[in-house]
C-alpha atoms as a PDB file:
ATOM      1  CA  UNK A   1       0.427 -22.109 -10.126  1.00  0.00           C
ATOM      2  CA  UNK A   2       0.245 -25.542  -7.984  1.00  0.00           C
ATOM      3  CA  UNK A   3      -2.921 -26.007  -6.284  1.00  0.00           C
ATOM      4  CA  UNK A   4      -3.004 -24.567  -2.542  1.00  0.00           C
ATOM      5  CA  UNK A   5       0.775 -23.067  -2.992  1.00  0.00           C
ATOM      6  CA  UNK A   6       1.428 -21.295   0.034  1.00  0.00           C
ATOM      7  CA  UNK A   7       1.815 -17.321   0.498  1.00  0.00           C
ATOM      8  CA  UNK A   8       2.905 -15.795   3.864  1.00  0.00           C
ATOM      9  CA  UNK A   9       1.301 -12.843   4.590  1.00  0.00           C
ATOM     10  CA  UNK A  10       2.032 -10.085   7.038  1.00  0.00           C
ATOM     11  CA  UNK A  11      -0.318  -7.334   8.045  1.00  0.00           C
ATOM     12  CA  UNK A  12      -3.105  -9.718   7.162  1.00  0.00           C
ATOM     13  CA  UNK A  13      -5.996  -8.067   9.238  1.00  0.00           C
ATOM     14  CA  UNK A  14      -5.263  -4.487   7.755  1.00  0.00           C
ATOM     15  CA  UNK A  15      -7.504  -2.822   4.951  1.00  0.00           C
ATOM     16  CA  UNK A  16      -5.338  -4.415   1.888  1.00  0.00           C
ATOM     17  CA  UNK A  17      -4.098  -7.351   3.860  1.00  0.00           C
ATOM     18  CA  UNK A  18      -7.913  -8.305   4.292  1.00  0.00           C
ATOM     19  CA  UNK A  19      -8.472  -8.080   0.645  1.00  0.00           C
ATOM     20  CA  UNK A  20      -5.178  -9.646  -0.423  1.00  0.00           C
ATOM     21  CA  UNK A  21      -6.077 -12.733   1.691  1.00  0.00           C
ATOM     22  CA  UNK A  22      -9.644 -12.900  -0.292  1.00  0.00           C
ATOM     23  CA  UNK A  23      -8.306 -12.502  -3.401  1.00  0.00           C
ATOM     24  CA  UNK A  24      -5.411 -15.013  -2.903  1.00  0.00           C
ATOM     25  CA  UNK A  25      -7.809 -18.010  -1.187  1.00  0.00           C
ATOM     26  CA  UNK A  26     -10.216 -17.319  -4.225  1.00  0.00           C
ATOM     27  CA  UNK A  27      -7.365 -18.216  -6.323  1.00  0.00           C
ATOM     28  CA  UNK A  28      -6.835 -21.499  -4.296  1.00  0.00           C
ATOM     29  CA  UNK A  29      -3.751 -20.191  -2.682  1.00  0.00           C
ATOM     30  CA  UNK A  30      -3.269 -21.002   1.085  1.00  0.00           C
ATOM     31  CA  UNK A  31      -2.417 -18.204   3.003  1.00  0.00           C
ATOM     32  CA  UNK A  32      -0.042 -18.048   6.139  1.00  0.00           C
ATOM     33  CA  UNK A  33      -0.510 -15.155   8.308  1.00  0.00           C
ATOM     34  CA  UNK A  34       2.603 -13.679   9.697  1.00  0.00           C
ATOM     35  CA  UNK A  35       1.537 -12.582  13.175  1.00  0.00           C
ATOM     36  CA  UNK A  36       2.859 -10.566  16.153  1.00  0.00           C
ATOM     37  CA  UNK A  37       0.314 -11.947  18.709  1.00  0.00           C
ATOM     38  CA  UNK A  38       1.678 -15.207  20.245  1.00  0.00           C
ATOM     39  CA  UNK A  39      -1.807 -16.695  21.063  1.00  0.00           C
ATOM     40  CA  UNK A  40      -2.940 -15.916  17.560  1.00  0.00           C
ATOM     41  CA  UNK A  41       0.406 -18.028  15.930  1.00  0.00           C
ATOM     42  CA  UNK A  42      -0.712 -21.033  18.296  1.00  0.00           C
ATOM     43  CA  UNK A  43      -3.665 -21.472  16.113  1.00  0.00           C
ATOM     44  CA  UNK A  44      -4.022 -23.027  12.414  1.00  0.00           C
ATOM     45  CA  UNK A  45      -1.208 -21.777  10.230  1.00  0.00           C
ATOM     46  CA  UNK A  46      -0.659 -18.546  11.729  1.00  0.00           C
ATOM     47  CA  UNK A  47       3.180 -18.018  12.162  1.00  0.00           C
ATOM     48  CA  UNK A  48       4.878 -15.706  14.741  1.00  0.00           C
ATOM     49  CA  UNK A  49       7.043 -12.903  13.646  1.00  0.00           C
ATOM     50  CA  UNK A  50       8.314  -9.773  15.257  1.00  0.00           C
ATOM     51  CA  UNK A  51       9.735  -6.193  13.599  1.00  0.00           C
ATOM     52  CA  UNK A  52      12.604  -6.884  15.630  1.00  0.00           C
ATOM     53  CA  UNK A  53      13.548 -10.436  15.258  1.00  0.00           C
ATOM     54  CA  UNK A  54      12.201 -11.402  11.939  1.00  0.00           C
ATOM     55  CA  UNK A  55      10.172 -15.015  11.863  1.00  0.00           C
ATOM     56  CA  UNK A  56      10.509 -16.837  15.199  1.00  0.00           C
ATOM     57  CA  UNK A  57      10.462 -20.231  13.606  1.00  0.00           C
ATOM     58  CA  UNK A  58      11.724 -20.071  10.269  1.00  0.00           C
ATOM     59  CA  UNK A  59      11.353 -23.535   9.073  1.00  0.00           C
ATOM     60  CA  UNK A  60       7.511 -23.488   9.209  1.00  0.00           C
ATOM     61  CA  UNK A  61       7.890 -21.229   6.172  1.00  0.00           C
ATOM     62  CA  UNK A  62      10.084 -23.183   4.108  1.00  0.00           C
ATOM     63  CA  UNK A  63       9.185 -23.668   0.552  1.00  0.00           C
ATOM     64  CA  UNK A  64       6.584 -20.801   0.341  1.00  0.00           C
ATOM     65  CA  UNK A  65       5.321 -19.785  -3.265  1.00  0.00           C
ATOM     66  CA  UNK A  66       5.626 -16.043  -1.969  1.00  0.00           C
ATOM     67  CA  UNK A  67       5.604 -13.563   1.165  1.00  0.00           C
ATOM     68  CA  UNK A  68       3.369 -10.307   0.757  1.00  0.00           C
ATOM     69  CA  UNK A  69       4.680  -8.139   3.518  1.00  0.00           C
ATOM     70  CA  UNK A  70       2.190  -5.335   4.266  1.00  0.00           C
ATOM     71  CA  UNK A  71       2.504  -4.819   8.148  1.00  0.00           C
ATOM     72  CA  UNK A  72       4.087  -1.768   9.747  1.00  0.00           C
ATOM     73  CA  UNK A  73       3.073   1.441  11.478  1.00  0.00           C
ATOM     74  CA  UNK A  74       0.162   3.509   9.813  1.00  0.00           C
ATOM     75  CA  UNK A  75       1.690   6.178   7.767  1.00  0.00           C
ATOM     76  CA  UNK A  76      -1.294   8.530   7.784  1.00  0.00           C
ATOM     77  CA  UNK A  77      -2.580   7.342  11.099  1.00  0.00           C
ATOM     78  CA  UNK A  78      -1.400  10.140  13.478  1.00  0.00           C
ATOM     79  CA  UNK A  79       0.405  13.247  13.794  1.00  0.00           C
ATOM     80  CA  UNK A  80       4.066  13.282  12.624  1.00  0.00           C
ATOM     81  CA  UNK A  81       5.554  13.872  15.926  1.00  0.00           C
ATOM     82  CA  UNK A  82       9.417  13.139  16.276  1.00  0.00           C
ATOM     83  CA  UNK A  83       8.267   9.961  18.147  1.00  0.00           C
ATOM     84  CA  UNK A  84       5.740   9.011  15.478  1.00  0.00           C
ATOM     85  CA  UNK A  85       8.454   9.379  12.949  1.00  0.00           C
ATOM     86  CA  UNK A  86      10.644   7.120  14.795  1.00  0.00           C
ATOM     87  CA  UNK A  87       8.036   4.411  14.997  1.00  0.00           C
ATOM     88  CA  UNK A  88       7.144   4.845  11.339  1.00  0.00           C
ATOM     89  CA  UNK A  89      10.712   4.334  10.116  1.00  0.00           C
ATOM     90  CA  UNK A  90      11.727   1.315  12.786  1.00  0.00           C
ATOM     91  CA  UNK A  91       8.637  -0.400  11.734  1.00  0.00           C
ATOM     92  CA  UNK A  92       8.657  -0.218   7.974  1.00  0.00           C
ATOM     93  CA  UNK A  93      12.606  -0.030   7.462  1.00  0.00           C
ATOM     94  CA  UNK A  94      13.935  -2.183  10.406  1.00  0.00           C
ATOM     95  CA  UNK A  95      11.009  -4.543  10.319  1.00  0.00           C
ATOM     96  CA  UNK A  96      11.403  -5.253   6.587  1.00  0.00           C
ATOM     97  CA  UNK A  97      15.380  -6.060   7.206  1.00  0.00           C
ATOM     98  CA  UNK A  98      14.514  -8.407   9.706  1.00  0.00           C
ATOM     99  CA  UNK A  99      12.120 -10.096   7.537  1.00  0.00           C
ATOM    100  CA  UNK A 100      14.115 -10.187   5.095  1.00  0.00           C
ATOM    101  CA  UNK A 101      17.182 -11.482   6.885  1.00  0.00           C
ATOM    102  CA  UNK A 102      14.731 -14.699   8.086  1.00  0.00           C
ATOM    103  CA  UNK A 103      13.796 -15.496   4.537  1.00  0.00           C
ATOM    104  CA  UNK A 104      17.661 -14.986   3.087  1.00  0.00           C
ATOM    105  CA  UNK A 105      18.322 -17.770   5.693  1.00  0.00           C
ATOM    106  CA  UNK A 106      15.883 -20.353   4.468  1.00  0.00           C
ATOM    107  CA  UNK A 107      17.175 -23.412   2.838  1.00  0.00           C
ATOM    108  CA  UNK A 108      14.052 -23.386   0.641  1.00  0.00           C
ATOM    109  CA  UNK A 109      13.522 -19.867  -0.083  1.00  0.00           C
ATOM    110  CA  UNK A 110      10.121 -18.094  -1.417  1.00  0.00           C
ATOM    111  CA  UNK A 111      10.100 -17.393  -4.956  1.00  0.00           C
ATOM    112  CA  UNK A 112       9.168 -13.711  -4.633  1.00  0.00           C
ATOM    113  CA  UNK A 113       8.557 -11.360  -2.117  1.00  0.00           C
ATOM    114  CA  UNK A 114       5.962  -8.545  -2.485  1.00  0.00           C
ATOM    115  CA  UNK A 115       6.769  -5.714  -0.254  1.00  0.00           C
ATOM    116  CA  UNK A 116       4.644  -2.637   0.239  1.00  0.00           C
ATOM    117  CA  UNK A 117       6.052   0.923  -0.307  1.00  0.00           C
ATOM    118  CA  UNK A 118       4.236   3.618  -1.245  1.00  0.00           C
ATOM    119  CA  UNK A 119       3.969   6.297  -4.096  1.00  0.00           C
ATOM    120  CA  UNK A 120       5.542   8.891  -1.389  1.00  0.00           C
ATOM    121  CA  UNK A 121       8.669   7.616  -2.593  1.00  0.00           C
ATOM    122  CA  UNK A 122       8.684  10.261  -5.298  1.00  0.00           C
ATOM    123  CA  UNK A 123       7.990  13.391  -3.044  1.00  0.00           C
ATOM    124  CA  UNK A 124       5.528  15.801  -4.512  1.00  0.00           C
ATOM    125  CA  UNK A 125       4.923  17.477  -7.517  1.00  0.00           C
ATOM    126  CA  UNK A 126       2.586  18.436 -10.752  1.00  0.00           C
ATOM    127  CA  UNK A 127       4.505  16.088 -13.318  1.00  0.00           C
ATOM    128  CA  UNK A 128       3.795  12.538 -14.404  1.00  0.00           C
ATOM    129  CA  UNK A 129       5.854  10.177 -12.814  1.00  0.00           C
ATOM    130  CA  UNK A 130       6.533   6.438 -13.281  1.00  0.00           C
ATOM    131  CA  UNK A 131       8.635   3.741 -11.819  1.00  0.00           C
ATOM    132  CA  UNK A 132      12.100   5.161 -13.546  1.00  0.00           C
ATOM    133  CA  UNK A 133      11.662   8.631 -11.561  1.00  0.00           C
ATOM    134  CA  UNK A 134      14.287   9.276  -8.466  1.00  0.00           C
ATOM    135  CA  UNK A 135      12.945   9.409  -5.050  1.00  0.00           C
ATOM    136  CA  UNK A 136      12.281  12.631  -3.409  1.00  0.00           C
ATOM    137  CA  UNK A 137      13.706  14.256  -0.274  1.00  0.00           C
ATOM    138  CA  UNK A 138      11.154  14.690   2.317  1.00  0.00           C
ATOM    139  CA  UNK A 139      10.381  12.728   4.993  1.00  0.00           C
ATOM    140  CA  UNK A 140       8.128  10.118   3.487  1.00  0.00           C
ATOM    141  CA  UNK A 141      10.339   9.616   0.391  1.00  0.00           C
ATOM    142  CA  UNK A 142      13.338   9.109   2.517  1.00  0.00           C
ATOM    143  CA  UNK A 143      11.398   6.446   4.536  1.00  0.00           C
ATOM    144  CA  UNK A 144      10.211   4.732   1.800  1.00  0.00           C
ATOM    145  CA  UNK A 145      13.386   4.887  -0.044  1.00  0.00           C
ATOM    146  CA  UNK A 146      15.148   3.137   2.998  1.00  0.00           C
ATOM    147  CA  UNK A 147      12.131   0.764   3.261  1.00  0.00           C
ATOM    148  CA  UNK A 148      12.663  -0.548  -0.252  1.00  0.00           C
ATOM    149  CA  UNK A 149      16.533  -0.892   0.232  1.00  0.00           C
ATOM    150  CA  UNK A 150      16.031  -2.984   3.558  1.00  0.00           C
ATOM    151  CA  UNK A 151      14.957  -5.760   0.808  1.00  0.00           C
ATOM    152  CA  UNK A 152      18.368  -5.883  -0.516  1.00  0.00           C
ATOM    153  CA  UNK A 153      19.355  -8.931   1.504  1.00  0.00           C
ATOM    154  CA  UNK A 154      16.640 -11.073   0.093  1.00  0.00           C
ATOM    155  CA  UNK A 155      17.300 -10.018  -3.274  1.00  0.00           C
ATOM    156  CA  UNK A 156      21.028 -10.919  -2.686  1.00  0.00           C
ATOM    157  CA  UNK A 157      19.691 -14.094  -1.757  1.00  0.00           C
ATOM    158  CA  UNK A 158      17.990 -15.161  -5.039  1.00  0.00           C
ATOM    159  CA  UNK A 159      14.675 -13.877  -4.148  1.00  0.00           C
ATOM    160  CA  UNK A 160      12.484 -12.208  -6.791  1.00  0.00           C
ATOM    161  CA  UNK A 161      11.738  -8.565  -4.878  1.00  0.00           C
ATOM    162  CA  UNK A 162       8.898  -6.701  -6.035  1.00  0.00           C
ATOM    163  CA  UNK A 163       8.571  -3.038  -4.151  1.00  0.00           C
ATOM    164  CA  UNK A 164       4.661  -2.702  -4.422  1.00  0.00           C
ATOM    165  CA  UNK A 165       4.188   1.429  -4.408  1.00  0.00           C
ATOM    166  CA  UNK A 166       0.762   1.559  -2.937  1.00  0.00           C
ATOM    167  CA  UNK A 167      -1.157   4.798  -3.783  1.00  0.00           C
ATOM    168  CA  UNK A 168      -4.501   6.121  -2.286  1.00  0.00           C
ATOM    169  CA  UNK A 169      -6.670   3.016  -1.642  1.00  0.00           C
ATOM    170  CA  UNK A 170     -10.122   3.212  -2.209  1.00  0.00           C
ATOM    171  CA  UNK A 171     -12.681   1.231  -0.025  1.00  0.00           C
ATOM    172  CA  UNK A 172     -15.642   2.318   2.161  1.00  0.00           C
ATOM    173  CA  UNK A 173     -14.609   0.111   4.899  1.00  0.00           C
ATOM    174  CA  UNK A 174     -11.196   2.579   5.471  1.00  0.00           C
ATOM    175  CA  UNK A 175      -8.595   4.365   4.453  1.00  0.00           C
ATOM    176  CA  UNK A 176      -9.056   7.768   3.168  1.00  0.00           C
ATOM    177  CA  UNK A 177     -12.112   7.105   1.336  1.00  0.00           C
ATOM    178  CA  UNK A 178     -13.557   5.656   4.380  1.00  0.00           C
ATOM    179  CA  UNK A 179     -12.618   8.711   6.268  1.00  0.00           C
ATOM    180  CA  UNK A 180     -14.313  11.161   3.745  1.00  0.00           C
ATOM    181  CA  UNK A 181     -17.728   9.444   3.624  1.00  0.00           C
ATOM    182  CA  UNK A 182     -19.459  10.577   6.451  1.00  0.00           C
ATOM    183  CA  UNK A 183     -18.781  14.732   5.952  1.00  0.00           C
ATOM    184  CA  UNK A 184     -19.427  14.181   2.142  1.00  0.00           C
ATOM    185  CA  UNK A 185     -22.663  12.667   2.735  1.00  0.00           C
ATOM    186  CA  UNK A 186     -23.515  15.287   4.957  1.00  0.00           C
ATOM    187  CA  UNK A 187     -22.783  17.539   2.385  1.00  0.00           C
ATOM    188  CA  UNK A 188     -19.971  19.236   4.153  1.00  0.00           C
ATOM    189  CA  UNK A 189     -17.029  17.584   1.965  1.00  0.00           C
ATOM    190  CA  UNK A 190     -14.961  19.694  -0.702  1.00  0.00           C
ATOM    191  CA  UNK A 191     -11.280  19.902  -1.913  1.00  0.00           C
ATOM    192  CA  UNK A 192      -8.353  20.461   0.213  1.00  0.00           C
ATOM    193  CA  UNK A 193      -6.072  23.520  -0.026  1.00  0.00           C
ATOM    194  CA  UNK A 194      -6.045  24.735  -3.922  1.00  0.00           C
ATOM    195  CA  UNK A 195      -7.527  21.242  -5.160  1.00  0.00           C
ATOM    196  CA  UNK A 196      -5.013  21.085  -7.928  1.00  0.00           C
ATOM    197  CA  UNK A 197      -2.865  18.737  -6.356  1.00  0.00           C
ATOM    198  CA  UNK A 198      -2.678  15.138  -7.558  1.00  0.00           C
ATOM    199  CA  UNK A 199      -4.416  12.000  -6.212  1.00  0.00           C
ATOM    200  CA  UNK A 200      -2.997   8.684  -7.764  1.00  0.00           C
ATOM    201  CA  UNK A 201      -5.744   6.246  -6.664  1.00  0.00           C
ATOM    202  CA  UNK A 202      -6.646   2.529  -6.838  1.00  0.00           C
ATOM    203  CA  UNK A 203      -9.688   0.469  -5.998  1.00  0.00           C
ATOM    204  CA  UNK A 204      -9.063  -1.842  -3.469  1.00  0.00           C
ATOM    205  CA  UNK A 205     -10.032  -4.941  -5.461  1.00  0.00           C
ATOM    206  CA  UNK A 206      -7.023  -3.770  -7.874  1.00  0.00           C
ATOM    207  CA  UNK A 207      -4.593  -3.612  -5.358  1.00  0.00           C
ATOM    208  CA  UNK A 208      -5.335  -7.114  -4.387  1.00  0.00           C
ATOM    209  CA  UNK A 209      -5.441  -8.288  -7.792  1.00  0.00           C
ATOM    210  CA  UNK A 210      -2.055  -6.681  -8.666  1.00  0.00           C
ATOM    211  CA  UNK A 211      -0.703  -8.253  -5.774  1.00  0.00           C
ATOM    212  CA  UNK A 212      -1.661 -11.546  -7.284  1.00  0.00           C
ATOM    213  CA  UNK A 213      -0.782 -10.582 -10.604  1.00  0.00           C
ATOM    214  CA  UNK A 214       2.950  -9.748  -9.174  1.00  0.00           C
ATOM    215  CA  UNK A 215       3.092 -12.821  -7.615  1.00  0.00           C
ATOM    216  CA  UNK A 216       2.327 -15.109 -10.592  1.00  0.00           C
ATOM    217  CA  UNK A 217       4.241 -13.215 -13.262  1.00  0.00           C
ATOM    218  CA  UNK A 218       7.864 -13.601 -13.370  1.00  0.00           C
ATOM    219  CA  UNK A 219       8.389 -10.505 -15.067  1.00  0.00           C
ATOM    220  CA  UNK A 220       7.410  -8.202 -12.165  1.00  0.00           C
ATOM    221  CA  UNK A 221      10.972  -7.295 -10.341  1.00  0.00           C
ATOM    222  CA  UNK A 222      11.492  -4.086  -8.614  1.00  0.00           C
ATOM    223  CA  UNK A 223       9.709  -1.092  -8.335  1.00  0.00           C
ATOM    224  CA  UNK A 224       5.779  -1.710  -9.229  1.00  0.00           C
ATOM    225  CA  UNK A 225       3.234   1.469  -8.763  1.00  0.00           C
ATOM    226  CA  UNK A 226      -0.067  -0.013  -7.402  1.00  0.00           C
ATOM    227  CA  UNK A 227      -2.133   3.068  -8.816  1.00  0.00           C
ATOM    228  CA  UNK A 228      -5.147   3.358 -11.705  1.00  0.00           C
ATOM    229  CA  UNK A 229      -3.974   4.549 -14.897  1.00  0.00           C
ATOM    230  CA  UNK A 230      -6.135   7.616 -14.567  1.00  0.00           C
ATOM    231  CA  UNK A 231      -4.753   9.876 -11.368  1.00  0.00           C
ATOM    232  CA  UNK A 232      -6.932  13.038 -10.612  1.00  0.00           C
ATOM    233  CA  UNK A 233      -6.813  16.125  -8.906  1.00  0.00           C
ATOM    234  CA  UNK A 234      -7.952  16.532  -5.622  1.00  0.00           C
ATOM    235  CA  UNK A 235     -10.936  18.924  -6.902  1.00  0.00           C
ATOM    236  CA  UNK A 236     -11.844  16.334  -9.325  1.00  0.00           C
ATOM    237  CA  UNK A 237     -11.898  13.880  -6.602  1.00  0.00           C
ATOM    238  CA  UNK A 238     -14.110  16.011  -4.550  1.00  0.00           C
ATOM    239  CA  UNK A 239     -16.475  16.273  -7.395  1.00  0.00           C
ATOM    240  CA  UNK A 240     -16.964  13.239  -8.550  1.00  0.00           C
ATOM    241  CA  UNK A 241     -17.542  11.747  -5.092  1.00  0.00           C
ATOM    242  CA  UNK A 242     -20.122  14.388  -4.566  1.00  0.00           C
ATOM    243  CA  UNK A 243     -21.756  13.358  -7.969  1.00  0.00           C
ATOM    244  CA  UNK A 244     -21.572   9.740  -6.722  1.00  0.00           C
ATOM    245  CA  UNK A 245     -23.325  10.779  -3.379  1.00  0.00           C
ATOM    246  CA  UNK A 246     -25.522  13.118  -4.878  1.00  0.00           C
ATOM    247  CA  UNK A 247     -24.403  15.848  -2.452  1.00  0.00           C
ATOM    248  CA  UNK A 248     -22.663  19.216  -2.851  1.00  0.00           C
ATOM    249  CA  UNK A 249     -19.017  19.289  -2.603  1.00  0.00           C
ATOM    250  CA  UNK A 250     -18.193  23.259  -1.949  1.00  0.00           C
ATOM    251  CA  UNK A 251     -16.929  23.006   1.503  1.00  0.00           C
ATOM    252  CA  UNK A 252     -12.859  23.216   0.992  1.00  0.00           C
ATOM    253  CA  UNK A 253     -10.666  22.573   3.762  1.00  0.00           C
ATOM    254  CA  UNK A 254      -7.772  25.436   3.554  1.00  0.00           C
ATOM    255  CA  UNK A 255      -4.291  24.631   3.417  1.00  0.00           C
ATOM    256  CA  UNK A 256      -3.616  26.139   6.925  1.00  0.00           C
ATOM    257  CA  UNK A 257      -6.348  24.289   8.644  1.00  0.00           C
ATOM    258  CA  UNK A 258      -4.941  21.141   7.330  1.00  0.00           C
ATOM    259  CA  UNK A 259      -1.407  22.241   8.588  1.00  0.00           C
ATOM    260  CA  UNK A 260      -2.812  22.855  11.955  1.00  0.00           C
ATOM    261  CA  UNK A 261      -4.769  19.584  12.120  1.00  0.00           C
ATOM    262  CA  UNK A 262      -2.281  17.622  10.929  1.00  0.00           C
ATOM    263  CA  UNK A 263       1.302  19.224  11.000  1.00  0.00           C
ATOM    264  CA  UNK A 264       3.842  18.043   8.642  1.00  0.00           C
ATOM    265  CA  UNK A 265       2.096  15.420   7.594  1.00  0.00           C
ATOM    266  CA  UNK A 266      -0.607  17.649   5.718  1.00  0.00           C
ATOM    267  CA  UNK A 267       1.865  18.621   3.114  1.00  0.00           C
ATOM    268  CA  UNK A 268       3.303  14.925   2.331  1.00  0.00           C
ATOM    269  CA  UNK A 269      -0.477  13.448   2.211  1.00  0.00           C
ATOM    270  CA  UNK A 270      -3.013  16.175   1.746  1.00  0.00           C
ATOM    271  CA  UNK A 271      -1.777  19.487   0.468  1.00  0.00           C
ATOM    272  CA  UNK A 272       1.156  18.213  -2.176  1.00  0.00           C
ATOM    273  CA  UNK A 273       0.124  15.433  -4.211  1.00  0.00           C
ATOM    274  CA  UNK A 274       1.854  12.965  -6.741  1.00  0.00           C
ATOM    275  CA  UNK A 275       0.830  12.309 -10.525  1.00  0.00           C
ATOM    276  CA  UNK A 276       2.170   8.536 -10.536  1.00  0.00           C
ATOM    277  CA  UNK A 277       1.237   6.368 -13.424  1.00  0.00           C
ATOM    278  CA  UNK A 278       1.470   2.292 -13.302  1.00  0.00           C
ATOM    279  CA  UNK A 279       3.852   1.898 -16.392  1.00  0.00           C
ATOM    280  CA  UNK A 280       4.873  -1.587 -15.050  1.00  0.00           C
ATOM    281  CA  UNK A 281       1.254  -2.872 -14.722  1.00  0.00           C
ATOM    282  CA  UNK A 282       0.404  -1.640 -17.772  1.00  0.00           C
ATOM    283  CA  UNK A 283       3.520  -2.750 -19.341  1.00  0.00           C
ATOM    284  CA  UNK A 284       2.746  -6.741 -18.365  1.00  0.00           C
ATOM    285  CA  UNK A 285      -1.044  -6.586 -18.997  1.00  0.00           C
ATOM    286  CA  UNK A 286      -2.881  -5.939 -15.927  1.00  0.00           C
ATOM    287  CA  UNK A 287      -6.254  -5.990 -16.211  1.00  0.00           C
ATOM    288  CA  UNK A 288      -7.703  -3.013 -14.242  1.00  0.00           C
ATOM    289  CA  UNK A 289     -11.386  -3.699 -12.889  1.00  0.00           C
ATOM    290  CA  UNK A 290     -11.580   0.221 -12.278  1.00  0.00           C
ATOM    291  CA  UNK A 291      -9.671   2.424 -14.489  1.00  0.00           C
ATOM    292  CA  UNK A 292     -11.783   5.726 -14.160  1.00  0.00           C
ATOM    293  CA  UNK A 293     -12.663   7.141 -10.781  1.00  0.00           C
ATOM    294  CA  UNK A 294     -16.613   7.192 -10.774  1.00  0.00           C
ATOM    295  CA  UNK A 295     -16.909   3.936 -11.916  1.00  0.00           C
ATOM    296  CA  UNK A 296     -14.423   2.815  -8.935  1.00  0.00           C
ATOM    297  CA  UNK A 297     -16.730   4.642  -6.373  1.00  0.00           C
ATOM    298  CA  UNK A 298     -19.983   3.678  -8.170  1.00  0.00           C
ATOM    299  CA  UNK A 299     -18.686   0.020  -7.407  1.00  0.00           C
ATOM    300  CA  UNK A 300     -19.121   0.523  -3.887  1.00  0.00           C
ATOM    301  CA  UNK A 301     -22.995   1.292  -3.876  1.00  0.00           C
ATOM    302  CA  UNK A 302     -22.327   4.174  -1.663  1.00  0.00           C
END
């Protein structure tokens, strides 16, 4: 890597985005945030973009080492109403397409595009799957499939595209773990539904480290599962979190209660899991810092 190579980053203020920015800057990359707020674009190196139009001033991102695209509507942030589904699809699919059109039109194109996706592309089931598995047929799987296909113009323009399929990111600062901590600390946490559904997780530091790995290693192309090598069942997750916190984890959330609270999203995100393995990361020698759940949770000093 040349010193201070530039990397554009959308979603830089999000949970994963903050970790990716810190990881890259620690490795002497110069991070260029892609922002949607014009007042922020006018400061420092930030560049204005929108999911509808792509990058407003393409010449400002000529000659980048990489683009890391994490921005988009939070898939698990709200109940999946018809309106929310439309927002998810448009922000993830159309936003990615607009960005890729901008990148494809550059004279000096980035070497690589790391585009966020999700392990929800596999649908749900008990069998272990890797990057060779077919896409599922539920709403989330179809969104992920179309989201990845929206990168086609960038790939056709000669940009190396990595579809970064992210699992359950563990961080006490937000995401699934952030929401679980309070009830578990009060001793009212537990499994969801049967607890037999699989959870494919990744420590926030490994999520960021894997992004850098994909930027620096030309062998990465196409789908890459951003998950730790040891998925666990939901019941195992609850038991381990309770152990780390020294609290009981014996109060389950019945499946019907999850459906009442979250609607269709409950089945895709909470009740029906995915057992996903990081074959590409393992094959290319990514050195996981946190390969076991208990070690990952203890690293946060909860």
